C-alpha atoms as a PDB file:
ATOM      1  CA  MET A   1     -43.677  37.567 -68.896  1.00  0.00           C
ATOM      2  CA  MET A   2     -46.089  40.390 -68.009  1.00  0.00           C
ATOM      3  CA  ARG A   3     -45.855  39.481 -64.318  1.00  0.00           C
ATOM      4  CA  VAL A   4     -42.052  39.574 -64.403  1.00  0.00           C
ATOM      5  CA  SER A   5     -42.194  42.979 -66.085  1.00  0.00           C
ATOM      6  CA  HIS A   6     -44.439  44.319 -63.331  1.00  0.00           C
ATOM      7  CA  VAL A   7     -42.154  42.963 -60.645  1.00  0.00           C
ATOM      8  CA  GLY A   8     -39.112  44.500 -62.289  1.00  0.00           C
ATOM      9  CA  GLY A   9     -40.898  47.833 -62.541  1.00  0.00           C
ATOM     10  CA  ILE A  10     -41.803  47.762 -58.866  1.00  0.00           C
ATOM     11  CA  VAL A  11     -38.210  46.986 -57.925  1.00  0.00           C
ATOM     12  CA  ILE A  12     -37.029  49.976 -59.942  1.00  0.00           C
ATOM     13  CA  LEU A  13     -39.682  52.218 -58.356  1.00  0.00           C
ATOM     14  CA  PHE A  14     -38.697  50.983 -54.903  1.00  0.00           C
ATOM     15  CA  LEU A  15     -35.055  51.832 -55.430  1.00  0.00           C
ATOM     16  CA  LEU A  16     -35.918  55.185 -56.990  1.00  0.00           C
ATOM     17  CA  PHE A  17     -38.197  56.243 -54.151  1.00  0.00           C
ATOM     18  CA  PHE A  18     -35.701  55.026 -51.573  1.00  0.00           C
ATOM     19  CA  PHE A  19     -32.828  57.089 -52.887  1.00  0.00           C
ATOM     20  CA  LEU A  20     -35.007  60.129 -53.551  1.00  0.00           C
ATOM     21  CA  SER A  21     -36.476  60.002 -50.067  1.00  0.00           C
ATOM     22  CA  ALA A  22     -33.048  59.615 -48.485  1.00  0.00           C
ATOM     23  CA  GLY A  23     -31.597  62.504 -50.444  1.00  0.00           C
ATOM     24  CA  SER A  24     -34.505  64.800 -49.692  1.00  0.00           C
ATOM     25  CA  VAL A  25     -34.104  64.666 -45.930  1.00  0.00           C
ATOM     26  CA  VAL A  26     -30.368  64.982 -45.488  1.00  0.00           C
ATOM     27  CA  ALA A  27     -29.798  68.350 -43.835  1.00  0.00           C
ATOM     28  CA  ASP A  28     -27.805  70.763 -45.958  1.00  0.00           C
ATOM     29  CA  TRP A  29     -24.205  70.507 -44.830  1.00  0.00           C
ATOM     30  CA  HIS A  30     -21.632  73.071 -45.877  1.00  0.00           C
ATOM     31  CA  GLY A  31     -18.615  71.284 -44.466  1.00  0.00           C
ATOM     32  CA  GLY A  32     -18.645  73.064 -41.118  1.00  0.00           C
ATOM     33  CA  LYS A  33     -19.315  76.765 -41.768  1.00  0.00           C
ATOM     34  CA  ALA A  34     -20.206  79.028 -38.865  1.00  0.00           C
ATOM     35  CA  LEU A  35     -21.425  82.623 -38.891  1.00  0.00           C
ATOM     36  CA  VAL A  36     -20.827  84.883 -35.884  1.00  0.00           C
ATOM     37  CA  LEU A  37     -22.723  88.148 -35.507  1.00  0.00           C
ATOM     38  CA  TYR A  38     -20.710  91.151 -34.334  1.00  0.00           C
ATOM     39  CA  LYS A  39     -21.072  94.866 -33.631  1.00  0.00           C
ATOM     40  CA  LYS A  40     -18.780  97.618 -34.867  1.00  0.00           C
ATOM     41  CA  GLY A  41     -19.082 101.387 -34.993  1.00  0.00           C
ATOM     42  CA  GLY A  42     -22.600 101.251 -33.589  1.00  0.00           C
ATOM     43  CA  ASP A  43     -23.790  98.907 -36.342  1.00  0.00           C
ATOM     44  CA  GLY A  44     -25.112  95.552 -35.165  1.00  0.00           C
ATOM     45  CA  TRP A  45     -27.360  94.446 -32.329  1.00  0.00           C
ATOM     46  CA  VAL A  46     -25.097  92.081 -30.354  1.00  0.00           C
ATOM     47  CA  GLN A  47     -22.865  93.164 -27.510  1.00  0.00           C
ATOM     48  CA  HIS A  48     -19.295  93.132 -28.822  1.00  0.00           C
ATOM     49  CA  ASN A  49     -17.026  93.200 -31.822  1.00  0.00           C
ATOM     50  CA  TYR A  50     -16.207  89.496 -31.957  1.00  0.00           C
ATOM     51  CA  LYS A  51     -14.484  89.908 -35.305  1.00  0.00           C
ATOM     52  CA  ASP A  52     -11.775  92.455 -34.481  1.00  0.00           C
ATOM     53  CA  ASP A  53     -10.013  92.813 -31.138  1.00  0.00           C
ATOM     54  CA  THR A  54      -9.921  96.140 -29.319  1.00  0.00           C
ATOM     55  CA  ILE A  55      -7.989  97.180 -26.232  1.00  0.00           C
ATOM     56  CA  LEU A  56     -10.650  95.938 -23.826  1.00  0.00           C
ATOM     57  CA  GLU A  57     -12.308  93.222 -25.891  1.00  0.00           C
ATOM     58  CA  LYS A  58     -10.275  90.245 -27.023  1.00  0.00           C
ATOM     59  CA  TRP A  59     -11.862  87.240 -28.675  1.00  0.00           C
ATOM     60  CA  GLU A  60      -9.154  85.740 -30.888  1.00  0.00           C
ATOM     61  CA  LYS A  61      -9.009  82.495 -28.898  1.00  0.00           C
ATOM     62  CA  PHE A  62     -12.720  82.027 -29.535  1.00  0.00           C
ATOM     63  CA  ARG A  63     -12.270  82.758 -33.246  1.00  0.00           C
ATOM     64  CA  ASP A  64      -9.223  80.513 -33.615  1.00  0.00           C
ATOM     65  CA  GLU A  65     -10.966  77.547 -31.998  1.00  0.00           C
ATOM     66  CA  PHE A  66     -13.255  77.095 -35.001  1.00  0.00           C
ATOM     67  CA  ALA A  67     -10.313  76.305 -37.278  1.00  0.00           C
ATOM     68  CA  LYS A  68      -8.812  73.990 -34.669  1.00  0.00           C
ATOM     69  CA  GLN A  69     -12.059  72.018 -34.706  1.00  0.00           C
ATOM     70  CA  GLY A  70     -12.197  71.844 -38.511  1.00  0.00           C
ATOM     71  CA  TRP A  71     -14.684  74.678 -39.005  1.00  0.00           C
ATOM     72  CA  THR A  72     -14.524  77.904 -40.964  1.00  0.00           C
ATOM     73  CA  VAL A  73     -15.995  81.070 -39.462  1.00  0.00           C
ATOM     74  CA  ASP A  74     -17.341  84.234 -41.039  1.00  0.00           C
ATOM     75  CA  PHE A  75     -18.733  87.398 -39.443  1.00  0.00           C
ATOM     76  CA  ALA A  76     -21.710  89.608 -40.179  1.00  0.00           C
ATOM     77  CA  LYS A  77     -23.496  92.518 -38.511  1.00  0.00           C
ATOM     78  CA  HIS A  78     -26.897  91.548 -39.880  1.00  0.00           C
ATOM     79  CA  VAL A  79     -28.536  88.448 -41.343  1.00  0.00           C
ATOM     80  CA  ASN A  80     -31.235  87.460 -43.788  1.00  0.00           C
ATOM     81  CA  ALA A  81     -32.550  84.189 -45.165  1.00  0.00           C
ATOM     82  CA  SER A  82     -30.212  84.208 -48.149  1.00  0.00           C
ATOM     83  CA  LEU A  83     -27.103  84.696 -46.017  1.00  0.00           C
ATOM     84  CA  LEU A  84     -28.089  82.107 -43.414  1.00  0.00           C
ATOM     85  CA  SER A  85     -28.661  79.454 -46.078  1.00  0.00           C
ATOM     86  CA  ASN A  86     -24.889  79.283 -46.582  1.00  0.00           C
ATOM     87  CA  TYR A  87     -24.072  78.225 -43.010  1.00  0.00           C
ATOM     88  CA  ASP A  88     -24.317  75.222 -40.703  1.00  0.00           C
ATOM     89  CA  ALA A  89     -24.209  77.177 -37.443  1.00  0.00           C
ATOM     90  CA  LEU A  90     -24.989  80.678 -36.218  1.00  0.00           C
ATOM     91  CA  PHE A  91     -23.564  82.268 -33.061  1.00  0.00           C
ATOM     92  CA  VAL A  92     -25.588  85.130 -31.585  1.00  0.00           C
ATOM     93  CA  LEU A  93     -23.601  86.278 -28.567  1.00  0.00           C
ATOM     94  CA  THR A  94     -25.813  88.452 -26.359  1.00  0.00           C
ATOM     95  CA  PRO A  95     -28.218  90.806 -28.111  1.00  0.00           C
ATOM     96  CA  VAL A  96     -28.194  94.212 -26.387  1.00  0.00           C
ATOM     97  CA  GLU A  97     -31.121  95.866 -28.167  1.00  0.00           C
ATOM     98  CA  ASP A  98     -34.350  94.899 -29.871  1.00  0.00           C
ATOM     99  CA  ILE A  99     -33.623  92.506 -32.699  1.00  0.00           C
ATOM    100  CA  PRO A 100     -35.032  93.727 -36.027  1.00  0.00           C
ATOM    101  CA  ASP A 101     -38.204  91.742 -36.703  1.00  0.00           C
ATOM    102  CA  ASP A 102     -37.091  90.573 -40.132  1.00  0.00           C
ATOM    103  CA  GLU A 103     -33.759  89.294 -38.797  1.00  0.00           C
ATOM    104  CA  ALA A 104     -35.339  87.526 -35.816  1.00  0.00           C
ATOM    105  CA  GLN A 105     -37.836  85.815 -38.117  1.00  0.00           C
ATOM    106  CA  ALA A 106     -35.117  84.854 -40.598  1.00  0.00           C
ATOM    107  CA  ILE A 107     -33.165  83.161 -37.786  1.00  0.00           C
ATOM    108  CA  ILE A 108     -36.265  81.373 -36.472  1.00  0.00           C
ATOM    109  CA  ASP A 109     -37.181  80.098 -39.935  1.00  0.00           C
ATOM    110  CA  TRP A 110     -33.592  79.024 -40.613  1.00  0.00           C
ATOM    111  CA  VAL A 111     -33.475  77.006 -37.378  1.00  0.00           C
ATOM    112  CA  LYS A 112     -36.792  75.340 -38.142  1.00  0.00           C
ATOM    113  CA  SER A 113     -35.388  74.355 -41.537  1.00  0.00           C
ATOM    114  CA  GLY A 114     -32.340  72.682 -39.984  1.00  0.00           C
ATOM    115  CA  GLY A 115     -30.074  75.514 -38.829  1.00  0.00           C
ATOM    116  CA  GLN A 116     -28.050  75.169 -35.619  1.00  0.00           C
ATOM    117  CA  LEU A 117     -28.054  78.166 -33.307  1.00  0.00           C
ATOM    118  CA  VAL A 118     -25.926  79.094 -30.306  1.00  0.00           C
ATOM    119  CA  ILE A 119     -27.391  82.083 -28.516  1.00  0.00           C
ATOM    120  CA  THR A 120     -26.251  83.708 -25.278  1.00  0.00           C
ATOM    121  CA  GLN A 121     -27.637  86.404 -23.007  1.00  0.00           C
ATOM    122  CA  ASN A 122     -25.764  87.823 -20.067  1.00  0.00           C
ATOM    123  CA  GLY A 123     -26.892  90.369 -17.501  1.00  0.00           C
ATOM    124  CA  THR A 124     -27.538  93.170 -19.999  1.00  0.00           C
ATOM    125  CA  GLY A 125     -31.107  92.229 -20.934  1.00  0.00           C
ATOM    126  CA  THR A 126     -33.437  89.561 -22.305  1.00  0.00           C
ATOM    127  CA  TYR A 127     -33.500  90.519 -25.983  1.00  0.00           C
ATOM    128  CA  ALA A 128     -32.534  86.986 -27.035  1.00  0.00           C
ATOM    129  CA  ASN A 129     -36.025  85.877 -26.028  1.00  0.00           C
ATOM    130  CA  GLU A 130     -37.295  87.451 -29.256  1.00  0.00           C
ATOM    131  CA  ILE A 131     -35.759  84.379 -30.905  1.00  0.00           C
ATOM    132  CA  THR A 132     -35.523  81.711 -28.215  1.00  0.00           C
ATOM    133  CA  ALA A 133     -39.111  81.964 -26.901  1.00  0.00           C
ATOM    134  CA  GLU A 134     -40.210  80.348 -30.161  1.00  0.00           C
ATOM    135  CA  PHE A 135     -38.294  77.243 -29.079  1.00  0.00           C
ATOM    136  CA  GLY A 136     -39.334  77.082 -25.417  1.00  0.00           C
ATOM    137  CA  ILE A 137     -36.279  78.867 -24.000  1.00  0.00           C
ATOM    138  CA  GLU A 138     -36.472  82.188 -22.143  1.00  0.00           C
ATOM    139  CA  PHE A 139     -33.753  84.108 -20.371  1.00  0.00           C
ATOM    140  CA  ASP A 140     -34.860  85.342 -16.949  1.00  0.00           C
ATOM    141  CA  GLY A 141     -33.241  87.535 -14.322  1.00  0.00           C
ATOM    142  CA  PRO A 142     -29.485  87.914 -13.777  1.00  0.00           C
ATOM    143  CA  LEU A 143     -27.673  85.537 -11.450  1.00  0.00           C
ATOM    144  CA  LEU A 144     -26.997  87.994  -8.647  1.00  0.00           C
ATOM    145  CA  LEU A 145     -24.300  85.943  -6.975  1.00  0.00           C
ATOM    146  CA  PRO A 146     -20.534  86.457  -6.678  1.00  0.00           C
ATOM    147  CA  ILE A 147     -19.900  83.138  -8.476  1.00  0.00           C
ATOM    148  CA  GLN A 148     -21.021  82.898 -12.126  1.00  0.00           C
ATOM    149  CA  THR A 149     -20.353  79.208 -12.758  1.00  0.00           C
ATOM    150  CA  ILE A 150     -22.042  76.257 -14.428  1.00  0.00           C
ATOM    151  CA  ASN A 151     -20.957  73.448 -12.118  1.00  0.00           C
ATOM    152  CA  ASN A 152     -23.659  70.800 -12.494  1.00  0.00           C
ATOM    153  CA  PHE A 153     -24.507  69.022 -15.750  1.00  0.00           C
ATOM    154  CA  THR A 154     -26.862  66.363 -16.996  1.00  0.00           C
ATOM    155  CA  SER A 155     -25.831  63.815 -19.626  1.00  0.00           C
ATOM    156  CA  HIS A 156     -26.099  65.259 -23.127  1.00  0.00           C
ATOM    157  CA  PRO A 157     -23.616  65.344 -26.037  1.00  0.00           C
ATOM    158  CA  VAL A 158     -23.064  69.068 -25.401  1.00  0.00           C
ATOM    159  CA  THR A 159     -21.932  68.247 -21.862  1.00  0.00           C
ATOM    160  CA  THR A 160     -20.166  64.920 -22.410  1.00  0.00           C
ATOM    161  CA  THR A 161     -18.732  64.514 -25.924  1.00  0.00           C
ATOM    162  CA  PRO A 162     -15.863  64.573 -26.556  1.00  0.00           C
ATOM    163  CA  TYR A 163     -15.216  66.242 -23.189  1.00  0.00           C
ATOM    164  CA  LEU A 164     -16.992  65.589 -19.907  1.00  0.00           C
ATOM    165  CA  LEU A 165     -17.706  69.056 -18.539  1.00  0.00           C
ATOM    166  CA  ASN A 166     -17.159  69.776 -14.858  1.00  0.00           C
ATOM    167  CA  LYS A 167     -17.116  73.570 -14.577  1.00  0.00           C
ATOM    168  CA  VAL A 168     -17.679  76.492 -16.961  1.00  0.00           C
ATOM    169  CA  VAL A 169     -16.932  79.926 -15.512  1.00  0.00           C
ATOM    170  CA  GLY A 170     -18.531  83.149 -16.735  1.00  0.00           C
ATOM    171  CA  VAL A 171     -18.808  86.730 -15.521  1.00  0.00           C
ATOM    172  CA  THR A 172     -22.360  88.108 -15.772  1.00  0.00           C
ATOM    173  CA  ALA A 173     -24.688  85.124 -15.987  1.00  0.00           C
ATOM    174  CA  ARG A 174     -28.428  85.199 -16.621  1.00  0.00           C
ATOM    175  CA  LYS A 175     -30.849  82.443 -15.626  1.00  0.00           C
ATOM    176  CA  ILE A 176     -32.826  80.369 -18.147  1.00  0.00           C
ATOM    177  CA  GLU A 177     -36.362  78.977 -18.029  1.00  0.00           C
ATOM    178  CA  VAL A 178     -37.428  76.161 -20.380  1.00  0.00           C
ATOM    179  CA  SER A 179     -40.722  74.732 -21.577  1.00  0.00           C
ATOM    180  CA  GLY A 180     -42.014  72.297 -24.177  1.00  0.00           C
ATOM    181  CA  SER A 181     -39.321  70.187 -25.810  1.00  0.00           C
ATOM    182  CA  SER A 182     -36.434  72.290 -24.459  1.00  0.00           C
ATOM    183  CA  LYS A 183     -34.223  70.833 -21.742  1.00  0.00           C
ATOM    184  CA  GLU A 184     -32.057  72.156 -18.949  1.00  0.00           C
ATOM    185  CA  ILE A 185     -28.596  70.583 -19.211  1.00  0.00           C
ATOM    186  CA  GLY A 186     -26.389  72.799 -17.021  1.00  0.00           C
ATOM    187  CA  TRP A 187     -26.864  74.642 -13.739  1.00  0.00           C
ATOM    188  CA  PHE A 188     -25.159  76.717 -11.106  1.00  0.00           C
ATOM    189  CA  GLU A 189     -25.730  74.680  -7.965  1.00  0.00           C
ATOM    190  CA  VAL A 190     -24.581  75.129  -4.396  1.00  0.00           C
ATOM    191  CA  GLY A 191     -26.496  73.558  -1.546  1.00  0.00           C
ATOM    192  CA  PRO A 192     -30.246  73.983  -2.167  1.00  0.00           C
ATOM    193  CA  VAL A 193     -29.661  76.752  -4.750  1.00  0.00           C
ATOM    194  CA  LYS A 194     -29.904  75.674  -8.382  1.00  0.00           C
ATOM    195  CA  TYR A 195     -30.265  77.890 -11.445  1.00  0.00           C
ATOM    196  CA  CYS A 196     -30.245  76.782 -15.079  1.00  0.00           C
ATOM    197  CA  LEU A 197     -27.576  78.518 -17.182  1.00  0.00           C
ATOM    198  CA  LEU A 198     -27.356  76.060 -20.102  1.00  0.00           C
ATOM    199  CA  ALA A 199     -30.283  74.704 -22.129  1.00  0.00           C
ATOM    200  CA  VAL A 200     -30.902  72.965 -25.435  1.00  0.00           C
ATOM    201  CA  ASN A 201     -33.736  72.241 -27.811  1.00  0.00           C
ATOM    202  CA  ASP A 202     -32.815  69.290 -30.029  1.00  0.00           C
ATOM    203  CA  THR A 203     -36.153  69.371 -31.848  1.00  0.00           C
ATOM    204  CA  ALA A 204     -36.378  73.039 -32.821  1.00  0.00           C
ATOM    205  CA  GLY A 205     -38.168  72.194 -36.040  1.00  0.00           C
ATOM    206  CA  GLU A 206     -35.404  70.423 -37.954  1.00  0.00           C
ATOM    207  CA  GLY A 207     -32.684  72.395 -36.175  1.00  0.00           C
ATOM    208  CA  VAL A 208     -30.995  72.764 -32.799  1.00  0.00           C
ATOM    209  CA  VAL A 209     -30.818  75.640 -30.313  1.00  0.00           C
ATOM    210  CA  VAL A 210     -28.173  75.836 -27.592  1.00  0.00           C
ATOM    211  CA  ALA A 211     -28.764  78.666 -25.113  1.00  0.00           C
ATOM    212  CA  ILE A 212     -26.187  79.851 -22.564  1.00  0.00           C
ATOM    213  CA  GLY A 213     -26.717  82.451 -19.865  1.00  0.00           C
ATOM    214  CA  ASP A 214     -23.357  84.138 -20.424  1.00  0.00           C
ATOM    215  CA  GLU A 215     -20.821  84.874 -23.131  1.00  0.00           C
ATOM    216  CA  TRP A 216     -17.690  85.933 -21.269  1.00  0.00           C
ATOM    217  CA  MET A 217     -16.636  82.294 -20.829  1.00  0.00           C
ATOM    218  CA  TRP A 218     -15.386  82.548 -24.436  1.00  0.00           C
ATOM    219  CA  SER A 219     -13.483  85.821 -24.109  1.00  0.00           C
ATOM    220  CA  ASN A 220      -9.707  85.641 -23.816  1.00  0.00           C
ATOM    221  CA  CYS A 221      -9.832  86.263 -20.077  1.00  0.00           C
ATOM    222  CA  CYS A 222     -11.689  83.002 -19.454  1.00  0.00           C
ATOM    223  CA  PHE A 223     -11.401  80.859 -22.575  1.00  0.00           C
ATOM    224  CA  ASN A 224      -8.789  78.220 -21.801  1.00  0.00           C
ATOM    225  CA  LEU A 225      -8.112  78.414 -18.096  1.00  0.00           C
ATOM    226  CA  VAL A 226      -8.249  75.315 -15.922  1.00  0.00           C
ATOM    227  CA  ASP A 227     -12.032  75.211 -16.404  1.00  0.00           C
ATOM    228  CA  ASP A 228     -13.991  73.736 -19.313  1.00  0.00           C
ATOM    229  CA  ASN A 229     -14.926  76.914 -21.197  1.00  0.00           C
ATOM    230  CA  LYS A 230     -13.074  75.918 -24.365  1.00  0.00           C
ATOM    231  CA  GLU A 231     -14.358  72.362 -24.065  1.00  0.00           C
ATOM    232  CA  LEU A 232     -17.960  73.612 -24.050  1.00  0.00           C
ATOM    233  CA  LEU A 233     -17.409  75.238 -27.443  1.00  0.00           C
ATOM    234  CA  ASP A 234     -15.640  72.128 -28.745  1.00  0.00           C
ATOM    235  CA  ASN A 235     -18.542  69.922 -27.630  1.00  0.00           C
ATOM    236  CA  ILE A 236     -21.096  72.180 -29.316  1.00  0.00           C
ATOM    237  CA  LEU A 237     -19.205  72.160 -32.606  1.00  0.00           C
ATOM    238  CA  ALA A 238     -18.778  68.380 -32.436  1.00  0.00           C
ATOM    239  CA  TYR A 239     -22.500  67.939 -31.744  1.00  0.00           C
ATOM    240  CA  PHE A 240     -23.469  70.245 -34.606  1.00  0.00           C
ATOM    241  CA  ARG A 241     -21.215  68.346 -36.979  1.00  0.00           C
ATOM    242  CA  ARG A 242     -22.975  65.088 -36.140  1.00  0.00           C
ATOM    243  CA  THR A 243     -26.551  66.352 -36.084  1.00  0.00           C
ATOM    244  CA  CYS A 244     -26.338  68.410 -39.266  1.00  0.00           C
ATOM    245  CA  SER A 245     -24.447  65.957 -41.476  1.00  0.00           C
ATOM    246  CA  VAL A 246     -26.299  62.723 -40.632  1.00  0.00           C
ATOM    247  CA  PRO A 247     -29.321  61.765 -42.792  1.00  0.00           C
ATOM    248  CA  GLU A 248     -32.674  61.770 -41.030  1.00  0.00           C
ATOM    249  CA  PHE A 249     -35.573  59.735 -42.421  1.00  0.00           C
ATOM    250  CA  SER A 250     -39.096  61.036 -41.926  1.00  0.00           C
ATOM    251  CA  THR A 251     -42.062  58.701 -41.428  1.00  0.00           C
ATOM    252  CA  LEU A 252     -43.502  59.511 -44.845  1.00  0.00           C
ATOM    253  CA  THR A 253     -40.309  58.951 -46.796  1.00  0.00           C
ATOM    254  CA  PHE A 254     -39.748  55.694 -44.935  1.00  0.00           C
ATOM    255  CA  LEU A 255     -43.277  54.395 -45.600  1.00  0.00           C
ATOM    256  CA  ILE A 256     -43.130  54.941 -49.367  1.00  0.00           C
ATOM    257  CA  PRO A 257     -40.469  52.268 -50.028  1.00  0.00           C
ATOM    258  CA  VAL A 258     -42.026  49.995 -47.395  1.00  0.00           C
ATOM    259  CA  PHE A 259     -45.363  50.181 -49.218  1.00  0.00           C
ATOM    260  CA  LEU A 260     -43.743  49.413 -52.546  1.00  0.00           C
ATOM    261  CA  LEU A 261     -41.879  46.511 -50.994  1.00  0.00           C
ATOM    262  CA  ALA A 262     -45.184  45.128 -49.697  1.00  0.00           C
ATOM    263  CA  VAL A 263     -46.691  45.371 -53.181  1.00  0.00           C
ATOM    264  CA  LEU A 264     -43.677  43.532 -54.571  1.00  0.00           C
ATOM    265  CA  PHE A 265     -44.168  40.789 -51.981  1.00  0.00           C
ATOM    266  CA  LEU A 266     -47.843  40.387 -52.975  1.00  0.00           C
ATOM    267  CA  PHE A 267     -46.956  40.106 -56.679  1.00  0.00           C
ATOM    268  CA  ARG A 268     -44.365  37.462 -55.903  1.00  0.00           C
ATOM    269  CA  ARG A 269     -46.799  35.594 -53.663  1.00  0.00           C
ATOM    270  CA  LYS A 270     -49.516  35.716 -56.305  1.00  0.00           C
ATOM    271  CA  GLY A 271     -47.079  34.420 -58.901  1.00  0.00           C
ATOM    272  CA  GLY A 272     -46.131  31.525 -56.620  1.00  0.00           C
ATOM    273  CA  VAL A 273     -49.768  30.579 -56.029  1.00  0.00           C
ATOM    274  CA  SER A 274     -50.564  30.720 -59.760  1.00  0.00           C
ATOM    275  CA  GLY A 275     -47.609  28.476 -60.497  1.00  0.00           C
END
């Protein structure tokens, strides 16, 4: 009777540890909530007012696409850890001045904890590196060519799912260098010339970083032409939905129930031998 009691207790512990370990490693998912940084009246450190259209700057197609893909989108001029904890994705479209240290660190920490970041940098500078260098992505010099196009892609969910990308057209592109676990996934290529303009780090701590060497591909002037500018955004949102909402099991949390299962097996084996 004592042996049966022990076995039953181990079974209960196994199930308890299994469900606790599974629950503890599911990334926080807010149902598809994105935050876009914007600048207005001199307040903010990104390039444009992506929240409200002006005469020269129009971004409503970009904003509307979130809802079409089942996402909600909010806007902020500044971020902190508390604000970021409410969102699944953050869009930082081209910093144009030094990023405040506390905000850059809050974004880095949020990504490492499972946040999903899209960050762009066009020809105005390399301020985004204050964030992306932490993840092996650095924006380099501007693409000083008359054609600002990503026309060559490797296979990655951002480039293939649900849409197979063929060409993304921008205006003022900036080249990208990668290192470590970051990967080049999109280039401007013509003849022997090849420059990376699209990169990703799928193992940025627990999060994801997608870096693009332009932002104008999502302005109204370029968003849904014959090229795949809109489809690039759709692919990113689809990828973020999958990566953020799917449970991930760490080695430690997997080994705990396996160990308990092994103990259970030994108790059962011992009981069989004694019988």
